[in-house]
Amino acid sequence: MEVMDGGFADEYTKLEAYCNELKVSNLRSDVSVELSGEALDQERRVFRRIYVCFNASKVRWKVGCRPFIGLDDTFLKGKARGILF
């Protein structure tokens, strides 16, 4: 399967194209991808984080939600380790 579909590391190279497509198809949405600065200094592209907030979500938040922000997290186990908020 990995030969046909590629490994999970290959998917990170497609994130910038995905972000650009989101910006085109969802106008006024906030989309950004951050790469590791240390890796960029070494002329490598290493994914660090991504932020996506669709315009429809922003509009509904302002119209219908009460002013409350809650955060939750989970630990990622497996090949991609870390904390997902």
Protein backbone atom coordinates (compact mmCIF):
# COMPACT_ATOMS: atom_id res chain seq x y z
CA MET A 1 0.00 0.00 0.00
CA GLU A 2 2.82 2.42 0.80
CA VAL A 3 4.30 1.94 -2.68
CA MET A 4 0.94 2.76 -4.30
CA ASP A 5 -0.18 5.59 -2.03
CA GLY A 6 3.15 6.81 -0.66
CA GLY A 7 4.07 7.13 2.99
CA PHE A 8 2.57 9.54 5.47
CA ALA A 9 5.66 11.74 5.17
CA ASP A 10 4.86 12.29 1.46
CA GLU A 11 1.48 13.76 2.40
CA TYR A 12 3.13 16.68 4.24
CA THR A 13 4.63 17.88 0.94
CA LYS A 14 1.10 18.41 -0.40
CA LEU A 15 -0.06 20.69 2.44
CA GLU A 16 0.98 23.96 0.82
CA ALA A 17 -0.94 23.13 -2.36
CA TYR A 18 -3.93 22.13 -0.22
CA CYS A 19 -3.77 25.47 1.65
CA ASN A 20 -3.60 27.40 -1.61
CA GLU A 21 -6.62 25.53 -2.94
CA LEU A 22 -8.55 26.26 0.27
CA LYS A 23 -7.78 29.97 -0.10
CA VAL A 24 -9.09 29.97 -3.68
CA SER A 25 -12.22 27.92 -3.03
CA ASN A 26 -13.14 29.44 0.38
CA LEU A 27 -12.74 33.19 0.07
CA ARG A 28 -12.08 35.16 3.27
CA SER A 29 -11.12 31.98 5.14
CA ASP A 30 -7.94 31.99 7.24
CA VAL A 31 -5.47 29.36 6.10
CA SER A 32 -1.79 29.17 6.93
CA VAL A 33 0.87 26.50 7.06
CA GLU A 34 4.11 26.94 8.99
CA LEU A 35 7.37 25.27 8.15
CA SER A 36 10.27 24.79 10.53
CA GLY A 37 12.58 27.80 10.45
CA GLU A 38 15.62 25.74 11.38
CA ALA A 39 14.96 23.35 8.49
CA LEU A 40 14.46 26.26 6.06
CA ASP A 41 17.91 27.57 7.07
CA GLN A 42 19.29 24.21 5.93
CA GLU A 43 17.24 24.47 2.70
CA ARG A 44 14.84 21.71 3.74
CA ARG A 45 11.06 21.97 4.01
CA VAL A 46 9.77 20.44 7.27
CA PHE A 47 6.11 20.82 8.28
CA ARG A 48 5.50 22.37 11.69
CA ARG A 49 1.80 23.29 11.94
CA ILE A 50 -1.33 24.25 10.01
CA TYR A 51 -4.21 26.60 10.86
CA VAL A 52 -7.57 26.58 9.05
CA CYS A 53 -10.62 28.67 9.95
CA PHE A 54 -13.36 28.66 7.34
CA ASN A 55 -15.25 31.90 6.72
CA ALA A 56 -18.60 30.18 7.33
CA SER A 57 -17.42 29.15 10.80
CA LYS A 58 -16.28 32.69 11.59
CA VAL A 59 -19.60 34.18 10.46
CA ARG A 60 -21.72 31.70 12.46
CA TRP A 61 -19.51 32.22 15.51
CA LYS A 62 -20.12 35.95 15.45
CA VAL A 63 -23.86 35.57 14.79
CA GLY A 64 -24.95 32.71 16.99
CA CYS A 65 -22.42 31.63 19.57
CA ARG A 66 -22.02 32.81 23.09
CA PRO A 67 -18.63 34.25 24.03
CA PHE A 68 -16.92 31.14 25.40
CA ILE A 69 -13.67 29.55 24.29
CA GLY A 70 -12.76 26.05 25.41
CA LEU A 71 -9.67 24.06 24.49
CA ASP A 72 -9.16 20.34 24.53
CA ASP A 73 -6.17 18.26 23.58
CA THR A 74 -5.17 14.70 22.91
CA PHE A 75 -1.82 12.98 22.68
CA LEU A 76 -0.88 11.57 19.28
CA LYS A 77 0.74 8.17 19.39
CA GLY A 78 2.22 6.31 16.46
CA LYS A 79 4.40 7.70 13.68
CA ALA A 80 3.24 11.31 14.11
CA ARG A 81 3.80 12.09 17.78
CA GLY A 82 2.80 15.22 19.62
CA ILE A 83 -0.24 16.96 21.05
CA LEU A 84 -3.31 17.87 19.00
CA PHE A 85 -5.34 20.82 20.35
